Structure formats: structure tokens, C-alpha cells
Amino acid sequence: MLSTVLVGLMAGLFFAFDVSVMPGLAAGDERTYVTAMRAFNAAIDGNPLFGMAFVLALLLAAGSAVVEYRTGRRPTALWAGLATAAYLVVLVITFAVNIPLNNELADGGDVAQMADFTVVERFKSTWVTTNIVRTLLCTTALAALARALLLHGRATR
């Protein structure tokens, strides 16, 4: 159940960025965009609760798949395994694409002195697209974990 809650929280975070944060920032100017994204990323990076939830979601989903498999509940294990795989892809995308983009934006120097905002345009197009993919994958993982919980409940009655 805890892995389901944690994956749900991650899906909600990504979804909130998709439907409110990024469209809201896109409506403003580039300096505001850079300043806000730097602040969001710093708040997330510096928050141990976020880091714990981000990693534990994967570990607990994988652990659930292993436990269900070892106890002979193969269909439940399959759904938990699907959730683990989907969430693992979220982590890969995050570490391969989103974090390097965040770092590139952070390393751009003093926002008041920035003259070249091509990094922002590249950031917007790639980061927003991969975040939508992360949202879809997290939602898939959440649905798979919900199914695994349902099957687990039925099997243990």
C-alpha cells in the first residue's frame, strides 16, 4: 500500500507541473521562468522527504513484486512488476534528461545578466515533453499497483 501512495504522490507532482506550473510559467517572461524553475528545483533537491519518497516508491514496488512472487501470487506479482518497470523508466528519464536540463538551467549564471535565452527554449520543449511522459508512466505504475492491491486483497481473504 505504501508504494501505491508514494507512486501516487509522484504522479500527482508531475501532473501538477503539466497542468499548472509549466503552462503558468510559459505565460511569463524568460527571466521569471528561469528564476522560478531554479527555485522549484532547489526546493525539490534540498528536500529529504521528496528524495525518500522518490526512491522508496521504486524500492517498495519492487519489494512488493518479489514478495508476491515468492508467495505464489503470480498475477499480483506481475502487476507489481509492471509498476516497478514503469516507475524505473521514470527514474531513468529523470536522471538522463530532466536533471541534466535542470542543471544546465541552474548553471546559466545570474538571471539578471542573461542575454541568451536559447537554453530556456530548449529546456521548455524537452523538459515539458519528458515530464508528460513521466506523468503517464507514473499514472500507469499507480494503476498497476492499484490492481496489485486489489488482487492481493482477493488472494488473502
Protein backbone atom coordinates (compact mmCIF):
# COMPACT_ATOMS: atom_id res chain seq x y z
CA MET A 1 0.00 0.00 0.00
CA LEU A 2 2.82 2.41 0.80
CA SER A 3 4.36 2.01 -2.65
CA THR A 4 0.96 2.84 -4.15
CA VAL A 5 0.70 6.00 -2.07
CA LEU A 6 4.25 7.10 -2.91
CA VAL A 7 3.85 6.47 -6.65
CA GLY A 8 0.54 8.35 -6.46
CA LEU A 9 2.29 11.31 -4.86
CA MET A 10 4.93 11.31 -7.61
CA ALA A 11 2.27 11.07 -10.32
CA GLY A 12 0.46 13.99 -8.69
CA LEU A 13 3.61 16.09 -8.56
CA PHE A 14 4.39 15.50 -12.24
CA PHE A 15 0.74 16.11 -13.17
CA ALA A 16 0.69 19.41 -11.25
CA PHE A 17 3.68 20.59 -13.25
CA ASP A 18 1.97 19.51 -16.50
CA VAL A 19 -1.33 21.26 -15.94
CA SER A 20 -0.46 24.32 -13.88
CA VAL A 21 3.18 25.11 -13.15
CA MET A 22 4.67 24.86 -16.64
CA PRO A 23 1.76 26.49 -18.50
CA GLY A 24 1.76 29.28 -15.91
CA LEU A 25 5.48 29.85 -16.28
CA ALA A 26 5.25 29.75 -20.07
CA ALA A 27 2.85 32.69 -19.92
CA GLY A 28 5.54 34.87 -18.33
CA ASP A 29 8.91 36.16 -19.42
CA GLU A 30 12.13 34.12 -19.62
CA ARG A 31 13.76 35.67 -16.55
CA THR A 32 10.77 34.76 -14.40
CA TYR A 33 10.77 31.27 -15.93
CA VAL A 34 14.45 30.70 -15.09
CA THR A 35 14.13 32.15 -11.59
CA ALA A 36 11.07 30.07 -10.77
CA MET A 37 12.45 26.80 -12.20
CA ARG A 38 15.68 27.28 -10.30
CA ALA A 39 13.70 27.82 -7.10
CA PHE A 40 11.47 24.78 -7.71
CA ASN A 41 14.46 22.56 -8.44
CA ALA A 42 16.38 23.81 -5.40
CA ALA A 43 13.36 23.19 -3.18
CA ILE A 44 12.93 19.66 -4.51
CA ASP A 45 16.66 18.82 -4.49
CA GLY A 46 17.07 20.05 -0.95
CA ASN A 47 14.07 18.22 0.43
CA PRO A 48 14.94 14.86 2.00
CA LEU A 49 11.26 13.92 2.20
CA PHE A 50 10.99 14.22 -1.59
CA GLY A 51 14.17 12.19 -2.13
CA MET A 52 12.97 9.49 0.22
CA ALA A 53 9.55 9.25 -1.46
CA PHE A 54 11.10 9.34 -4.95
CA VAL A 55 13.39 6.37 -4.24
CA LEU A 56 11.20 4.41 -1.83
CA ALA A 57 8.38 4.30 -4.38
CA LEU A 58 10.62 2.15 -6.59
CA LEU A 59 12.08 0.02 -3.81
CA LEU A 60 8.72 -0.75 -2.23
CA ALA A 61 7.07 -1.56 -5.56
CA ALA A 62 9.94 -3.91 -6.42
CA GLY A 63 9.78 -5.44 -2.94
CA SER A 64 6.06 -6.00 -3.33
CA ALA A 65 6.61 -7.77 -6.65
CA VAL A 66 9.22 -10.06 -5.09
CA VAL A 67 7.10 -10.88 -2.04
CA GLU A 68 4.02 -11.59 -4.16
CA TYR A 69 6.05 -13.81 -6.49
CA ARG A 70 7.63 -15.75 -3.63
CA THR A 71 4.25 -16.36 -2.02
CA GLY A 72 2.90 -17.78 -5.26
CA ARG A 73 0.63 -14.90 -6.17
CA ARG A 74 1.94 -14.58 -9.73
CA PRO A 75 -0.77 -12.29 -11.18
CA THR A 76 -0.28 -9.85 -8.31
CA ALA A 77 3.49 -10.04 -8.76
CA LEU A 78 3.08 -9.34 -12.46
CA TRP A 79 1.13 -6.13 -11.80
CA ALA A 80 3.59 -5.00 -9.14
CA GLY A 81 6.42 -5.83 -11.54
CA LEU A 82 4.78 -3.76 -14.28
CA ALA A 83 4.51 -0.87 -11.84
CA THR A 84 8.16 -1.26 -10.90
CA ALA A 85 9.24 -1.26 -14.56
CA ALA A 86 7.14 1.81 -15.40
CA TYR A 87 8.44 3.72 -12.40
CA LEU A 88 12.01 2.66 -13.15
CA VAL A 89 11.65 4.27 -16.59
CA VAL A 90 10.51 7.45 -14.81
CA LEU A 91 13.74 7.42 -12.81
CA VAL A 92 15.84 6.81 -15.92
CA ILE A 93 14.16 9.71 -17.74
CA THR A 94 14.59 11.93 -14.69
CA PHE A 95 18.30 11.20 -14.33
CA ALA A 96 19.07 11.12 -18.06
CA VAL A 97 17.02 14.11 -19.24
CA ASN A 98 15.30 16.26 -16.62
CA ILE A 99 18.09 16.59 -14.07
CA PRO A 100 20.74 17.50 -16.69
CA LEU A 101 18.34 20.12 -18.07
CA ASN A 102 17.73 21.44 -14.56
CA ASN A 103 21.49 21.64 -14.01
CA GLU A 104 22.03 23.42 -17.32
CA LEU A 105 19.41 25.98 -16.38
CA ALA A 106 20.92 26.40 -12.92
CA ASP A 107 24.41 26.90 -14.32
CA GLY A 108 23.34 29.75 -16.61
CA GLY A 109 24.67 32.45 -14.33
CA ASP A 110 22.93 35.47 -12.89
CA VAL A 111 19.47 35.63 -14.44
CA ALA A 112 19.56 39.44 -14.42
CA GLN A 113 22.66 39.30 -16.65
CA MET A 114 21.38 36.63 -19.05
CA ALA A 115 21.21 37.78 -22.65
CA ASP A 116 20.90 34.43 -24.42
CA PHE A 117 17.73 32.55 -23.54
CA THR A 118 18.10 29.73 -26.09
CA VAL A 119 18.72 27.41 -23.14
CA VAL A 120 15.23 28.28 -21.90
CA GLU A 121 13.56 27.39 -25.20
CA ARG A 122 15.44 24.10 -25.36
CA PHE A 123 14.57 23.48 -21.71
CA LYS A 124 10.88 24.21 -22.25
CA SER A 125 10.41 21.91 -25.22
CA THR A 126 12.35 18.93 -23.87
CA TRP A 127 11.61 19.19 -20.15
CA VAL A 128 7.87 19.68 -20.62
CA THR A 129 7.62 16.75 -23.05
CA THR A 130 9.56 14.36 -20.85
CA ASN A 131 7.56 15.45 -17.82
CA ILE A 132 4.35 14.48 -19.62
CA VAL A 133 5.91 11.09 -20.30
CA ARG A 134 6.85 10.78 -16.61
CA THR A 135 3.29 11.64 -15.65
CA LEU A 136 1.88 8.97 -17.95
CA LEU A 137 4.36 6.36 -16.72
CA CYS A 138 3.71 7.21 -13.06
CA THR A 139 -0.01 7.01 -13.66
CA THR A 140 0.49 3.62 -15.33
CA ALA A 141 2.54 2.48 -12.33
CA LEU A 142 -0.16 3.77 -9.98
CA ALA A 143 -2.89 1.89 -11.84
CA ALA A 144 -0.79 -1.29 -11.86
CA LEU A 145 -0.16 -1.01 -8.12
CA ALA A 146 -3.87 -0.43 -7.51
CA ARG A 147 -4.59 -3.60 -9.48
CA ALA A 148 -1.94 -5.47 -7.50
CA LEU A 149 -3.54 -4.29 -4.25
CA LEU A 150 -6.94 -5.50 -5.43
CA LEU A 151 -5.56 -8.90 -6.41
CA HIS A 152 -3.59 -9.17 -3.18
CA GLY A 153 -6.72 -8.44 -1.18
CA ARG A 154 -8.71 -11.07 -3.04
CA ALA A 155 -5.95 -13.67 -2.64
CA THR A 156 -5.55 -13.12 1.10
CA ARG A 157 -9.21 -13.24 2.09
